[in-house]
C-alpha atoms as a PDB file:
ATOM      1  CA  UNK A   1      -4.713  -3.995 -25.229  1.00  0.00           C
ATOM      2  CA  UNK A   2      -2.456  -1.282 -26.597  1.00  0.00           C
ATOM      3  CA  UNK A   3       0.990  -0.690 -25.045  1.00  0.00           C
ATOM      4  CA  UNK A   4      -0.049   2.794 -23.932  1.00  0.00           C
ATOM      5  CA  UNK A   5      -3.143   1.355 -22.228  1.00  0.00           C
ATOM      6  CA  UNK A   6      -1.032  -1.269 -20.435  1.00  0.00           C
ATOM      7  CA  UNK A   7       1.450   1.414 -19.355  1.00  0.00           C
ATOM      8  CA  UNK A   8      -1.377   3.547 -17.984  1.00  0.00           C
ATOM      9  CA  UNK A   9      -2.749   0.687 -15.877  1.00  0.00           C
ATOM     10  CA  UNK A  10       0.687  -0.384 -14.641  1.00  0.00           C
ATOM     11  CA  UNK A  11       1.419   3.212 -13.617  1.00  0.00           C
ATOM     12  CA  UNK A  12      -1.836   3.363 -11.642  1.00  0.00           C
ATOM     13  CA  UNK A  13      -1.164   0.015  -9.949  1.00  0.00           C
ATOM     14  CA  UNK A  14       2.297   1.247  -8.996  1.00  0.00           C
ATOM     15  CA  UNK A  15       0.887   4.543  -7.743  1.00  0.00           C
ATOM     16  CA  UNK A  16      -1.537   2.546  -5.576  1.00  0.00           C
ATOM     17  CA  UNK A  17       1.416   0.589  -4.144  1.00  0.00           C
ATOM     18  CA  UNK A  18       0.213  -2.771  -5.496  1.00  0.00           C
ATOM     19  CA  UNK A  19       3.185  -3.371  -7.802  1.00  0.00           C
ATOM     20  CA  UNK A  20       6.800  -2.258  -8.009  1.00  0.00           C
ATOM     21  CA  UNK A  21       9.002  -1.691 -11.018  1.00  0.00           C
ATOM     22  CA  UNK A  22      12.685  -2.266 -11.639  1.00  0.00           C
ATOM     23  CA  UNK A  23      14.583  -1.192 -14.723  1.00  0.00           C
ATOM     24  CA  UNK A  24      16.866  -3.795 -16.276  1.00  0.00           C
ATOM     25  CA  UNK A  25      18.695  -2.394 -19.276  1.00  0.00           C
ATOM     26  CA  UNK A  26      15.975  -1.238 -21.672  1.00  0.00           C
ATOM     27  CA  UNK A  27      13.232  -3.267 -19.977  1.00  0.00           C
ATOM     28  CA  UNK A  28      11.047  -2.475 -16.996  1.00  0.00           C
ATOM     29  CA  UNK A  29      10.207  -5.485 -14.824  1.00  0.00           C
ATOM     30  CA  UNK A  30       6.992  -5.223 -12.788  1.00  0.00           C
ATOM     31  CA  UNK A  31       6.404  -7.310  -9.653  1.00  0.00           C
ATOM     32  CA  UNK A  32       3.396  -7.730  -7.405  1.00  0.00           C
ATOM     33  CA  UNK A  33       3.673  -6.404  -3.848  1.00  0.00           C
ATOM     34  CA  UNK A  34       2.039  -9.367  -2.099  1.00  0.00           C
ATOM     35  CA  UNK A  35       1.870  -7.632   1.278  1.00  0.00           C
ATOM     36  CA  UNK A  36      -0.019  -4.678  -0.209  1.00  0.00           C
ATOM     37  CA  UNK A  37      -2.291  -6.974  -2.230  1.00  0.00           C
ATOM     38  CA  UNK A  38      -3.033  -9.021   0.899  1.00  0.00           C
ATOM     39  CA  UNK A  39      -3.878  -5.844   2.801  1.00  0.00           C
ATOM     40  CA  UNK A  40      -6.235  -4.804   0.013  1.00  0.00           C
ATOM     41  CA  UNK A  41      -7.979  -8.196   0.016  1.00  0.00           C
ATOM     42  CA  UNK A  42      -8.283  -8.086   3.838  1.00  0.00           C
ATOM     43  CA  UNK A  43      -9.767  -4.578   3.648  1.00  0.00           C
ATOM     44  CA  UNK A  44     -12.252  -5.640   1.001  1.00  0.00           C
ATOM     45  CA  UNK A  45     -13.258  -8.744   2.966  1.00  0.00           C
ATOM     46  CA  UNK A  46     -13.519  -7.044   6.357  1.00  0.00           C
ATOM     47  CA  UNK A  47     -14.850  -3.596   5.488  1.00  0.00           C
ATOM     48  CA  UNK A  48     -16.553  -3.850   2.125  1.00  0.00           C
ATOM     49  CA  UNK A  49     -18.463  -7.119   2.535  1.00  0.00           C
ATOM     50  CA  UNK A  50     -20.611  -5.473   5.200  1.00  0.00           C
ATOM     51  CA  UNK A  51     -21.096  -8.593   7.291  1.00  0.00           C
ATOM     52  CA  UNK A  52     -22.033 -10.773   4.306  1.00  0.00           C
ATOM     53  CA  UNK A  53     -19.161 -13.265   4.007  1.00  0.00           C
ATOM     54  CA  UNK A  54     -20.781 -15.002   1.021  1.00  0.00           C
ATOM     55  CA  UNK A  55     -20.050 -11.879  -1.039  1.00  0.00           C
ATOM     56  CA  UNK A  56     -16.327 -12.205  -0.360  1.00  0.00           C
ATOM     57  CA  UNK A  57     -15.982 -15.986  -0.664  1.00  0.00           C
ATOM     58  CA  UNK A  58     -14.378 -15.806  -4.140  1.00  0.00           C
ATOM     59  CA  UNK A  59     -11.836 -13.229  -2.922  1.00  0.00           C
ATOM     60  CA  UNK A  60     -11.011 -15.351   0.127  1.00  0.00           C
ATOM     61  CA  UNK A  61     -10.330 -18.365  -2.106  1.00  0.00           C
ATOM     62  CA  UNK A  62      -8.007 -16.325  -4.315  1.00  0.00           C
ATOM     63  CA  UNK A  63      -6.206 -14.847  -1.311  1.00  0.00           C
ATOM     64  CA  UNK A  64      -5.635 -18.322   0.144  1.00  0.00           C
ATOM     65  CA  UNK A  65      -4.279 -19.866  -3.052  1.00  0.00           C
ATOM     66  CA  UNK A  66      -2.082 -16.945  -4.058  1.00  0.00           C
ATOM     67  CA  UNK A  67      -0.173 -16.254  -0.875  1.00  0.00           C
ATOM     68  CA  UNK A  68       3.550 -15.861  -1.504  1.00  0.00           C
ATOM     69  CA  UNK A  69       5.615 -18.923  -0.603  1.00  0.00           C
ATOM     70  CA  UNK A  70       9.068 -17.414  -0.684  1.00  0.00           C
ATOM     71  CA  UNK A  71      10.946 -14.509  -2.185  1.00  0.00           C
ATOM     72  CA  UNK A  72       8.711 -13.451  -5.088  1.00  0.00           C
ATOM     73  CA  UNK A  73       7.141 -16.870  -5.626  1.00  0.00           C
ATOM     74  CA  UNK A  74       3.406 -17.622  -5.545  1.00  0.00           C
ATOM     75  CA  UNK A  75       1.584 -20.911  -5.013  1.00  0.00           C
END
């Protein structure tokens, strides 16, 4: 993936509120916003699965294993 393509996708993820960025010297550090990602997964599971939990089973497994443990850390 080209750097410009990565930048485009990171910008869109940030615009959607799913990641944050922090400049450190000449670098930009991107971090996941776990609360926003959890809200997105909950929305997808509750509203988009349309009463068919088997559709959302893979997303539920990911949500359970990737919940943040502490400040910025994931299981």
